[in-house]
Amino acid sequence: MPTLECNFAGIKCLNPFWLASAPPTNCGEQIMRAFDAGWGGAVWKTIGEPITNVSSRYSSIDWAGQRMMGFNNIELISDRPIATNLREISEVKRRYPKHVVIASLMVESKREVWHDMVAQAEDAGADGLELNFGCPHGMSERGMGSAVGQVPEYAEQITYWVKERARTPVIVKLTPNISDIRMPARAAKRGGADALSAINTINSITGIDLDTFEPRPMVDGKSSHGGYCGPAVKPIALNMVQQIMADKDAMLPLSGIGGIGTWKDAAEFILLGCGNVQVCTAAMHYGYRIVEDMADGLLEWMAAKGFETIEDFRGLSLPNVREWKQLNLNYRIVAKIHADKCIGCQLCYTACWDGAHQCIHLDRAEGGAEMVPAGTDPRHTHHEANPHGKPTPAMVLGLSAKTITTTPIPKLDLSGAGVNSSVTPIARIPRVDEDECVGCNLCSLVCPVEDCITMERVETGLPFQSWEERSAAGLAPAGGSEVGIAEGH
């Protein structure tokens, strides 16, 4: 039977699910309710000299019916006294000794101040320390947060100061607001960090009210850049996680953060090397109990895959991420439209013609006659001359009104069951010209019916060949140069 128990940087965890340092971990009462719900650990909302927050503080981006697809905040660190936070850490650890409590810290960049804060947090019973070098707003203007994380020398120096005094594991939280996240990661490692966490929030302005012209969130008619998080940032977080874990000079135990809200999200971060994950926005949106489905789902997936522990699959996907120049140029896939599932919405046709490579065609009119006589379709002529260009104006004019049929889009069947061709007029079922298809995936992405369009491999009979190999053999165009990162920088 699989287990979710794991060890992160020497810290024993009941499961890999921690709450990130944020409003859900603002006080002891919240964290104890979270532990009762099933969370294995919590990173306390960042402790430092109390600040004054503004109102309002949050805004979001909604997309396709999903609220808070992207979430923005201009809230700062804890506005409660340091002593209050430390007292509650002690109480939580007394009541929940097997659960992990990490103290997130942010103080001014003075050695003695950091030493004092570290001693207080550890004396309160914290299992580890997270150094917040990532907050992108408010605190960075005071020389803290991302102002430290964006300068590798600062990150290294403060990490070193903390390690001079710390008895518990030290986790450095990295900012994504930098051109190369490996730089501060390497610096933290040089400073002696035991682990890393990534990513913190991304600098953003969520939007503008088109009636008042005020940015969101609004504070007395004004706003400021804030930290962006939620499902929308997950791809960025995964990319940065991979960059860190593939770099021997940066690689340390890594706690993954950024858009995690399901067990599938957690599995993806662990497959790229994370030892655990931290969650914020999803808990703010749906509450602490989401961890039940996250834990159950991950356990069931592990059992189905034959994994007994988190370590059994941690990092398994890392070898599958390569630089573009190392990908196989001779691998080919094409789109296949399954007529029995097609609902005739023709979204794939529009997307292919307006946004891709013009390889999906409508061959028949409503009455059953061909829309364009065989052999005279100017789109074929176009691709014969230039498979990846756009139709010329002459070609477009050649498509007269008589050759174009416009039909209202029917109500979409979102159940995935689809309808067969006896119900969907054959005129509405697009056809893929496999010779023209470049396998870009766009049609399958816009299709609203599950598995209606699949991408299937076509054997080319050619051996593996990358651009790197082609260049080495003198077969690639000359020009350009590779830009790398010097060792130790």
Protein backbone atom coordinates (compact mmCIF):
# COMPACT_ATOMS: atom_id res chain seq x y z
CA MET A 1 0.00 0.00 0.00
CA PRO A 2 1.51 3.38 -0.98
CA THR A 3 2.33 5.95 1.68
CA LEU A 4 2.45 9.73 1.46
CA GLU A 5 4.90 10.02 4.33
CA CYS A 6 8.09 11.68 3.15
CA ASN A 7 11.24 13.43 4.27
CA PHE A 8 11.96 16.93 3.04
CA ALA A 9 15.45 18.26 3.78
CA GLY A 10 15.56 16.21 6.96
CA ILE A 11 12.04 17.15 8.06
CA LYS A 12 9.68 14.21 8.47
CA CYS A 13 6.29 14.89 6.89
CA LEU A 14 2.96 13.06 7.21
CA ASN A 15 2.32 13.92 3.56
CA PRO A 16 3.81 16.23 0.90
CA PHE A 17 1.01 18.81 1.12
CA TRP A 18 1.95 22.03 2.89
CA LEU A 19 0.10 25.33 3.00
CA ALA A 20 2.26 28.14 1.62
CA SER A 21 3.07 31.26 3.58
CA ALA A 22 -0.02 33.38 2.89
CA PRO A 23 -3.38 34.41 4.41
CA PRO A 24 -4.41 30.74 5.03
CA THR A 25 -1.50 30.49 7.51
CA ASN A 26 -1.99 33.82 9.22
CA CYS A 27 -2.61 32.50 12.72
CA GLY A 28 -2.49 29.41 14.88
CA GLU A 29 -6.25 28.82 14.86
CA GLN A 30 -6.25 28.63 11.06
CA ILE A 31 -3.29 26.29 10.90
CA MET A 32 -4.76 23.92 13.48
CA ARG A 33 -7.98 23.69 11.46
CA ALA A 34 -5.87 23.01 8.38
CA PHE A 35 -4.05 20.19 10.16
CA ASP A 36 -7.38 18.72 11.22
CA ALA A 37 -8.42 18.78 7.56
CA GLY A 38 -5.36 16.75 6.56
CA TRP A 39 -2.53 19.11 5.64
CA GLY A 40 0.90 17.72 6.50
CA GLY A 41 2.55 21.07 7.11
CA ALA A 42 2.21 24.82 6.97
CA VAL A 43 4.58 27.69 6.33
CA TRP A 44 3.56 30.49 8.68
CA LYS A 45 2.61 33.80 7.10
CA THR A 46 5.88 35.72 6.93
CA ILE A 47 7.00 37.07 10.31
CA GLY A 48 8.79 40.37 10.66
CA GLU A 49 8.31 43.82 12.06
CA PRO A 50 4.53 44.50 11.84
CA ILE A 51 3.32 46.50 8.86
CA THR A 52 0.13 48.29 7.85
CA ASN A 53 -1.82 46.74 4.99
CA VAL A 54 -4.11 48.52 2.53
CA SER A 55 -7.71 47.89 1.49
CA SER A 56 -8.62 46.43 -0.94
CA ARG A 57 -5.84 43.90 -1.46
CA TYR A 58 -6.97 41.25 -3.95
CA SER A 59 -8.12 41.03 -7.55
CA SER A 60 -8.43 38.20 -10.02
CA ILE A 61 -8.67 37.13 -13.63
CA ASP A 62 -11.64 34.93 -14.50
CA TRP A 63 -11.54 32.77 -17.60
CA ALA A 64 -14.11 30.57 -19.35
CA GLY A 65 -16.34 30.39 -16.30
CA GLN A 66 -13.54 29.71 -13.82
CA ARG A 67 -13.24 32.26 -11.07
CA MET A 68 -9.75 33.23 -9.90
CA MET A 69 -7.92 31.58 -12.76
CA GLY A 70 -5.28 34.17 -11.95
CA PHE A 71 -5.08 35.87 -8.56
CA ASN A 72 -3.32 39.09 -7.62
CA ASN A 73 -2.55 40.48 -4.18
CA ILE A 74 -0.90 43.58 -2.77
CA GLU A 75 -0.98 42.31 0.81
CA LEU A 76 2.27 42.41 2.77
CA ILE A 77 3.69 40.17 5.49
CA SER A 78 2.02 39.51 8.84
CA ASP A 79 0.56 42.60 10.45
CA ARG A 80 0.55 40.93 13.86
CA PRO A 81 3.25 41.37 16.54
CA ILE A 82 6.23 39.01 16.29
CA ALA A 83 5.64 37.81 19.85
CA THR A 84 2.04 36.84 19.05
CA ASN A 85 3.08 34.77 16.05
CA LEU A 86 5.84 33.02 17.98
CA ARG A 87 3.55 32.22 20.88
CA GLU A 88 1.03 30.64 18.51
CA ILE A 89 3.75 28.61 16.77
CA SER A 90 4.60 27.10 20.15
CA GLU A 91 0.96 26.29 20.82
CA VAL A 92 0.45 24.66 17.41
CA LYS A 93 3.54 22.50 17.84
CA ARG A 94 2.41 21.50 21.34
CA ARG A 95 -0.95 20.31 20.01
CA TYR A 96 0.27 18.91 16.70
CA PRO A 97 3.80 17.61 17.29
CA LYS A 98 3.82 15.38 14.18
CA HIS A 99 2.80 18.14 11.79
CA VAL A 100 5.35 20.45 10.22
CA VAL A 101 5.44 24.15 11.06
CA ILE A 102 7.89 26.28 9.10
CA ALA A 103 8.54 29.87 10.14
CA SER A 104 8.74 32.23 7.17
CA LEU A 105 11.01 35.14 8.01
CA MET A 106 11.73 38.58 6.57
CA VAL A 107 13.72 41.23 8.40
CA GLU A 108 16.13 43.98 7.46
CA SER A 109 19.47 42.97 5.99
CA LYS A 110 21.60 43.09 9.12
CA ARG A 111 23.44 40.07 10.45
CA GLU A 112 22.48 40.62 14.10
CA VAL A 113 18.79 41.14 13.21
CA TRP A 114 18.67 37.88 11.28
CA HIS A 115 20.48 36.03 14.08
CA ASP A 116 17.97 37.28 16.62
CA MET A 117 14.95 36.39 14.46
CA VAL A 118 16.29 32.89 13.77
CA ALA A 119 16.84 32.23 17.47
CA GLN A 120 13.33 33.39 18.37
CA ALA A 121 11.66 31.27 15.69
CA GLU A 122 13.57 28.13 16.59
CA ASP A 123 13.02 28.63 20.31
CA ALA A 124 9.29 28.81 19.57
CA GLY A 125 9.48 25.29 18.14
CA ALA A 126 9.54 25.83 14.37
CA ASP A 127 10.64 22.73 12.47
CA GLY A 128 12.46 24.82 9.88
CA LEU A 129 12.91 28.32 8.50
CA GLU A 130 11.86 29.72 5.12
CA LEU A 131 13.66 32.91 4.10
CA ASN A 132 11.27 35.04 2.07
CA PHE A 133 13.44 36.42 -0.74
CA GLY A 134 10.50 36.57 -3.13
CA CYS A 135 7.76 39.03 -2.12
CA PRO A 136 7.53 41.38 -5.14
CA HIS A 137 5.62 44.33 -3.69
CA GLY A 138 5.76 46.64 -0.72
CA MET A 139 8.54 44.85 1.13
CA SER A 140 10.89 44.97 -1.87
CA GLU A 141 10.62 48.76 -1.73
CA ARG A 142 12.07 48.52 1.76
CA GLY A 143 15.09 46.48 0.67
CA MET A 144 13.59 43.10 1.57
CA GLY A 145 11.75 40.30 -0.25
CA SER A 146 12.52 40.19 -3.96
CA ALA A 147 14.99 43.06 -3.55
CA VAL A 148 17.19 40.43 -1.92
CA GLY A 149 16.23 37.53 -4.17
CA GLN A 150 16.98 39.47 -7.35
CA VAL A 151 20.60 40.06 -6.32
CA PRO A 152 22.40 36.72 -5.94
CA GLU A 153 25.14 38.22 -3.77
CA TYR A 154 22.56 39.47 -1.26
CA ALA A 155 20.76 36.13 -1.22
CA GLU A 156 24.00 34.28 -0.60
CA GLN A 157 25.11 36.63 2.17
CA ILE A 158 21.86 36.53 4.14
CA THR A 159 21.57 32.75 3.75
CA TYR A 160 25.09 32.48 5.15
CA TRP A 161 24.16 34.68 8.13
CA VAL A 162 21.12 32.56 8.87
CA LYS A 163 23.08 29.32 8.63
CA GLU A 164 25.58 30.67 11.14
CA ARG A 165 22.86 30.53 13.78
CA ALA A 166 20.22 28.06 12.58
CA ARG A 167 19.83 24.61 14.10
CA THR A 168 16.91 23.60 11.87
CA PRO A 169 16.77 23.26 8.04
CA VAL A 170 16.88 26.54 6.12
CA ILE A 171 14.69 26.88 3.01
CA VAL A 172 15.24 29.82 0.66
CA LYS A 173 12.12 31.01 -1.18
CA LEU A 174 12.99 32.27 -4.65
CA THR A 175 11.52 35.09 -6.69
CA PRO A 176 10.39 34.41 -10.29
CA ASN A 177 10.86 38.08 -11.12
CA ILE A 178 14.33 37.55 -12.53
CA SER A 179 15.71 36.60 -15.92
CA ASP A 180 17.28 33.33 -14.73
CA ILE A 181 16.06 31.70 -11.52
CA ARG A 182 19.14 29.51 -11.40
CA MET A 183 21.22 32.51 -10.34
CA PRO A 184 19.61 33.08 -6.90
CA ALA A 185 19.22 29.30 -6.50
CA ARG A 186 22.95 28.82 -6.95
CA ALA A 187 23.61 31.70 -4.59
CA ALA A 188 21.40 30.19 -1.89
CA LYS A 189 23.22 26.89 -2.26
CA ARG A 190 26.60 28.61 -1.95
CA GLY A 191 25.30 30.31 1.19
CA GLY A 192 24.55 26.93 2.74
CA ALA A 193 20.78 26.59 2.24
CA ASP A 194 19.36 23.16 3.00
CA ALA A 195 16.47 23.50 0.55
CA LEU A 196 14.68 25.86 -1.84
CA SER A 197 11.05 26.76 -2.48
CA ALA A 198 9.77 28.15 -5.76
CA ILE A 199 8.06 30.09 -7.05
CA ASN A 200 6.88 33.16 -5.22
CA THR A 201 4.34 35.43 -6.91
CA ILE A 202 4.89 37.21 -10.23
CA ASN A 203 4.81 40.99 -10.64
CA SER A 204 1.53 41.98 -12.24
CA ILE A 205 -1.27 44.46 -12.77
CA THR A 206 -4.51 42.52 -13.03
CA GLY A 207 -6.52 44.97 -15.11
CA ILE A 208 -8.10 48.39 -15.49
CA ASP A 209 -11.70 49.42 -14.79
CA LEU A 210 -12.85 50.80 -18.14
CA ASP A 211 -15.39 53.15 -16.54
CA THR A 212 -13.25 54.69 -13.81
CA PHE A 213 -9.80 54.03 -15.38
CA GLU A 214 -8.62 52.70 -12.02
CA PRO A 215 -6.29 49.68 -11.82
CA ARG A 216 -7.34 46.65 -9.79
CA PRO A 217 -7.26 46.13 -6.86
CA MET A 218 -8.21 49.73 -6.16
CA VAL A 219 -7.02 51.69 -3.12
CA ASP A 220 -8.67 55.10 -3.03
CA GLY A 221 -8.59 55.37 -6.81
CA LYS A 222 -5.01 54.10 -7.17
CA SER A 223 -3.23 50.75 -7.21
CA SER A 224 0.20 49.18 -7.39
CA HIS A 225 1.84 46.17 -8.98
CA GLY A 226 1.16 43.02 -7.00
CA GLY A 227 1.94 39.33 -6.80
CA TYR A 228 0.25 37.06 -9.36
CA CYS A 229 -0.51 33.43 -8.55
CA GLY A 230 -3.15 30.75 -9.05
CA PRO A 231 -3.67 28.21 -11.87
CA ALA A 232 -2.48 30.68 -14.52
CA VAL A 233 1.11 30.64 -13.20
CA LYS A 234 1.54 26.86 -13.02
CA PRO A 235 3.33 26.51 -16.41
CA ILE A 236 5.80 29.22 -15.38
CA ALA A 237 6.39 27.52 -12.05
CA LEU A 238 6.94 24.11 -13.65
CA ASN A 239 9.47 25.59 -16.05
CA MET A 240 11.44 27.24 -13.24
CA VAL A 241 11.30 24.07 -11.12
CA GLN A 242 12.80 22.13 -14.03
CA GLN A 243 15.51 24.73 -14.54
CA ILE A 244 16.57 24.45 -10.91
CA MET A 245 16.45 20.68 -10.68
CA ALA A 246 18.39 20.19 -13.92
CA ASP A 247 21.24 22.42 -12.73
CA LYS A 248 23.80 20.66 -10.54
CA ASP A 249 24.99 24.00 -9.13
CA ALA A 250 21.46 24.96 -8.05
CA MET A 251 19.84 21.62 -7.24
CA LEU A 252 18.71 21.20 -3.64
CA PRO A 253 15.58 19.66 -2.11
CA LEU A 254 12.84 21.80 -3.65
CA SER A 255 9.35 22.64 -2.40
CA GLY A 256 7.16 23.34 -5.42
CA ILE A 257 4.79 26.30 -5.45
CA GLY A 258 2.64 27.88 -8.14
CA GLY A 259 -0.91 27.10 -9.26
CA ILE A 260 -1.23 23.81 -7.39
CA GLY A 261 -4.82 22.87 -6.58
CA THR A 262 -5.24 19.17 -7.41
CA TRP A 263 -3.38 15.92 -6.89
CA LYS A 264 -2.48 15.96 -10.58
CA ASP A 265 -0.77 19.33 -10.16
CA ALA A 266 1.17 17.96 -7.19
CA ALA A 267 2.23 14.86 -9.11
CA GLU A 268 3.57 17.01 -11.96
CA PHE A 269 5.76 19.08 -9.61
CA ILE A 270 7.08 15.94 -7.93
CA LEU A 271 7.79 14.31 -11.31
CA LEU A 272 10.01 17.32 -12.04
CA GLY A 273 11.94 16.77 -8.83
CA CYS A 274 10.08 18.50 -5.99
CA GLY A 275 10.14 16.79 -2.62
CA ASN A 276 6.83 18.33 -1.59
CA VAL A 277 4.40 21.06 -2.65
CA GLN A 278 2.90 24.19 -1.17
CA VAL A 279 -0.62 25.46 -1.86
CA CYS A 280 -2.12 28.93 -1.41
CA THR A 281 -4.67 30.21 -3.95
CA ALA A 282 -6.69 26.98 -4.15
CA ALA A 283 -7.03 26.92 -0.36
CA MET A 284 -8.15 30.55 -0.37
CA HIS A 285 -10.69 29.74 -3.09
CA TYR A 286 -12.11 26.41 -1.93
CA GLY A 287 -11.01 25.99 1.69
CA TYR A 288 -8.73 23.61 3.57
CA ARG A 289 -10.70 20.47 2.74
CA ILE A 290 -9.34 20.31 -0.79
CA VAL A 291 -6.43 18.39 0.70
CA GLU A 292 -8.67 15.34 1.16
CA ASP A 293 -9.08 14.87 -2.58
CA MET A 294 -5.45 15.77 -3.17
CA ALA A 295 -4.21 13.06 -0.80
CA ASP A 296 -6.71 10.41 -1.93
CA GLY A 297 -6.10 11.12 -5.60
CA LEU A 298 -2.32 10.98 -5.29
CA LEU A 299 -2.48 7.71 -3.35
CA GLU A 300 -4.76 6.11 -5.93
CA TRP A 301 -2.53 7.23 -8.79
CA MET A 302 0.57 5.94 -7.00
CA ALA A 303 -1.10 2.56 -6.46
CA ALA A 304 -2.12 2.36 -10.12
CA LYS A 305 1.45 3.15 -11.21
CA GLY A 306 3.07 0.81 -8.70
CA PHE A 307 4.78 3.54 -6.68
CA GLU A 308 5.17 2.92 -2.94
CA THR A 309 6.63 6.28 -1.90
CA ILE A 310 7.04 9.83 -3.15
CA GLU A 311 10.70 9.10 -3.84
CA ASP A 312 9.73 6.33 -6.27
CA PHE A 313 8.54 8.85 -8.85
CA ARG A 314 10.26 12.08 -7.80
CA GLY A 315 12.17 13.48 -10.75
CA LEU A 316 11.13 10.81 -13.26
CA SER A 317 10.17 13.44 -15.84
CA LEU A 318 13.41 15.41 -15.64
CA PRO A 319 15.22 13.36 -18.32
CA ASN A 320 12.30 14.01 -20.68
CA VAL A 321 12.81 17.78 -20.71
CA ARG A 322 15.43 18.78 -23.26
CA GLU A 323 16.65 21.90 -24.99
CA TRP A 324 14.83 22.50 -28.28
CA LYS A 325 17.99 21.75 -30.24
CA GLN A 326 17.96 18.18 -28.87
CA LEU A 327 14.44 17.28 -30.06
CA ASN A 328 13.83 14.81 -32.89
CA LEU A 329 13.22 16.68 -36.15
CA ASN A 330 12.11 13.45 -37.85
CA TYR A 331 9.27 12.67 -35.41
CA ARG A 332 5.89 13.39 -37.05
CA ILE A 333 2.29 13.36 -35.90
CA VAL A 334 -0.89 14.34 -37.72
CA ALA A 335 -4.42 15.18 -36.62
CA LYS A 336 -7.24 12.67 -37.04
CA ILE A 337 -10.87 13.81 -36.76
CA HIS A 338 -13.22 11.05 -35.58
CA ALA A 339 -16.49 11.59 -37.45
CA ASP A 340 -18.54 9.58 -34.93
CA LYS A 341 -17.74 12.16 -32.24
CA CYS A 342 -17.75 15.33 -34.34
CA ILE A 343 -20.53 17.82 -33.54
CA GLY A 344 -19.86 19.98 -36.57
CA CYS A 345 -18.86 23.14 -34.72
CA GLN A 346 -15.97 23.65 -37.15
CA LEU A 347 -13.81 25.33 -34.53
CA CYS A 348 -10.90 23.20 -35.71
CA TYR A 349 -11.39 24.41 -39.29
CA THR A 350 -11.41 28.07 -38.27
CA ALA A 351 -8.42 27.66 -35.95
CA CYS A 352 -6.41 25.81 -38.56
CA TRP A 353 -7.10 28.34 -41.31
CA ASP A 354 -6.78 31.52 -39.25
CA GLY A 355 -4.19 30.44 -36.69
CA ALA A 356 -2.20 27.52 -38.01
CA HIS A 357 -1.28 25.82 -41.29
CA GLN A 358 -4.47 25.56 -43.40
CA CYS A 359 -4.63 21.78 -43.60
CA ILE A 360 -8.24 21.16 -42.46
CA HIS A 361 -10.85 21.33 -45.23
CA LEU A 362 -14.61 21.30 -45.72
CA ASP A 363 -15.24 19.25 -48.83
CA ARG A 364 -19.03 19.21 -49.20
CA ALA A 365 -21.83 21.78 -49.28
CA GLU A 366 -25.08 21.35 -47.39
CA GLY A 367 -26.72 19.63 -50.34
CA GLY A 368 -23.94 17.10 -50.55
CA ALA A 369 -22.11 18.64 -53.54
CA GLU A 370 -18.44 19.43 -53.24
CA MET A 371 -17.80 23.00 -52.12
CA VAL A 372 -14.78 23.29 -54.41
CA PRO A 373 -14.31 21.13 -57.52
CA ALA A 374 -11.70 18.45 -57.02
CA GLY A 375 -8.23 19.61 -58.02
CA THR A 376 -9.12 23.31 -58.15
CA ASP A 377 -9.06 24.24 -54.47
CA PRO A 378 -6.62 27.18 -54.32
CA ARG A 379 -5.64 26.08 -50.82
CA HIS A 380 -4.01 22.97 -52.30
CA THR A 381 -2.19 25.14 -54.81
CA HIS A 382 -1.04 27.36 -52.00
CA HIS A 383 0.40 24.49 -49.99
CA GLU A 384 2.09 22.97 -52.99
CA ALA A 385 3.97 26.23 -53.45
CA ASN A 386 4.48 27.13 -49.80
CA PRO A 387 3.22 24.67 -47.14
CA HIS A 388 3.72 27.06 -44.25
CA GLY A 389 2.65 30.42 -45.65
CA LYS A 390 -0.69 32.17 -45.97
CA PRO A 391 -3.02 32.26 -49.00
CA THR A 392 -2.28 35.14 -51.36
CA PRO A 393 -5.00 37.79 -51.99
CA ALA A 394 -5.64 36.20 -55.39
CA MET A 395 -6.28 32.85 -53.76
CA VAL A 396 -8.64 34.39 -51.25
CA LEU A 397 -10.59 36.13 -54.02
CA GLY A 398 -10.83 32.81 -55.81
CA LEU A 399 -13.01 31.51 -53.02
CA SER A 400 -16.25 33.06 -54.22
CA ALA A 401 -19.41 33.31 -52.19
CA LYS A 402 -20.68 30.20 -53.95
CA THR A 403 -17.88 28.06 -52.54
CA ILE A 404 -18.33 29.15 -48.93
CA THR A 405 -21.15 27.79 -46.80
CA THR A 406 -22.01 29.55 -43.55
CA THR A 407 -24.07 27.58 -41.07
CA PRO A 408 -25.00 28.59 -37.50
CA ILE A 409 -22.93 26.67 -34.97
CA PRO A 410 -25.17 24.14 -33.20
CA LYS A 411 -25.37 23.75 -29.46
CA LEU A 412 -22.17 22.03 -28.41
CA ASP A 413 -22.34 18.55 -26.97
CA LEU A 414 -19.90 18.93 -24.08
CA SER A 415 -20.60 15.49 -22.68
CA GLY A 416 -17.93 14.00 -24.92
CA ALA A 417 -20.34 11.47 -26.39
CA GLY A 418 -20.54 13.32 -29.69
CA VAL A 419 -22.98 12.54 -32.47
CA ASN A 420 -22.54 10.28 -35.48
CA SER A 421 -22.45 11.39 -39.10
CA SER A 422 -26.07 10.44 -39.63
CA VAL A 423 -27.01 13.29 -37.27
CA THR A 424 -24.21 15.73 -38.01
CA PRO A 425 -24.42 16.73 -41.71
CA ILE A 426 -21.36 15.47 -43.51
CA ALA A 427 -20.79 19.00 -44.76
CA ARG A 428 -19.98 20.03 -41.21
CA ILE A 429 -17.37 17.32 -40.61
CA PRO A 430 -13.94 18.69 -41.51
CA ARG A 431 -11.23 16.62 -43.15
CA VAL A 432 -7.49 16.69 -42.43
CA ASP A 433 -5.09 16.60 -45.35
CA GLU A 434 -2.31 14.59 -43.72
CA ASP A 435 0.25 15.67 -46.31
CA GLU A 436 -0.30 19.28 -45.28
CA CYS A 437 -0.71 18.71 -41.51
CA VAL A 438 2.33 19.76 -39.48
CA GLY A 439 1.08 18.21 -36.22
CA CYS A 440 0.87 21.49 -34.31
CA ASN A 441 -1.99 20.26 -32.01
CA LEU A 442 -4.07 23.45 -32.29
CA CYS A 443 -7.16 21.69 -33.64
CA SER A 444 -7.19 19.17 -30.79
CA LEU A 445 -6.79 21.96 -28.26
CA VAL A 446 -9.77 24.00 -29.49
CA CYS A 447 -12.07 21.00 -30.01
CA PRO A 448 -14.78 20.95 -27.29
CA VAL A 449 -15.38 17.18 -27.51
CA GLU A 450 -13.09 14.79 -25.67
CA ASP A 451 -11.03 12.58 -28.01
CA CYS A 452 -12.82 13.82 -31.13
CA ILE A 453 -9.48 14.91 -32.55
CA THR A 454 -6.44 12.79 -31.76
CA MET A 455 -2.83 13.30 -32.75
CA GLU A 456 -1.39 10.14 -34.22
CA ARG A 457 2.17 9.25 -35.12
CA VAL A 458 3.16 8.77 -38.74
CA GLU A 459 6.30 6.76 -39.42
CA THR A 460 8.73 8.72 -41.56
CA GLY A 461 11.27 5.95 -41.99
CA LEU A 462 13.97 8.42 -40.93
CA PRO A 463 16.33 7.97 -37.97
CA PHE A 464 16.43 10.28 -34.97
CA GLN A 465 18.06 13.57 -35.84
CA SER A 466 18.16 16.73 -33.76
CA TRP A 467 18.99 20.25 -34.87
CA GLU A 468 22.17 19.88 -32.82
CA GLU A 469 23.17 16.79 -34.79
CA ARG A 470 22.14 18.38 -38.06
CA SER A 471 24.27 21.43 -37.30
CA ALA A 472 27.26 19.26 -36.36
CA ALA A 473 26.93 17.48 -39.70
CA GLY A 474 26.89 20.80 -41.54
CA LEU A 475 23.29 20.35 -42.69
CA ALA A 476 21.71 23.25 -40.76
CA PRO A 477 21.79 26.90 -41.89
CA ALA A 478 24.78 28.81 -40.65
CA GLY A 479 24.50 31.83 -38.40
CA GLY A 480 23.61 32.58 -34.82
CA SER A 481 25.47 31.65 -31.70
CA GLU A 482 24.66 29.82 -28.54
CA VAL A 483 24.48 31.84 -25.35
CA GLY A 484 25.24 29.94 -22.19
CA ILE A 485 25.79 30.64 -18.53
CA ALA A 486 29.39 30.55 -17.45
CA GLU A 487 30.22 28.07 -14.77
CA GLY A 488 30.07 29.59 -11.32
CA HIS A 489 28.09 32.67 -12.40
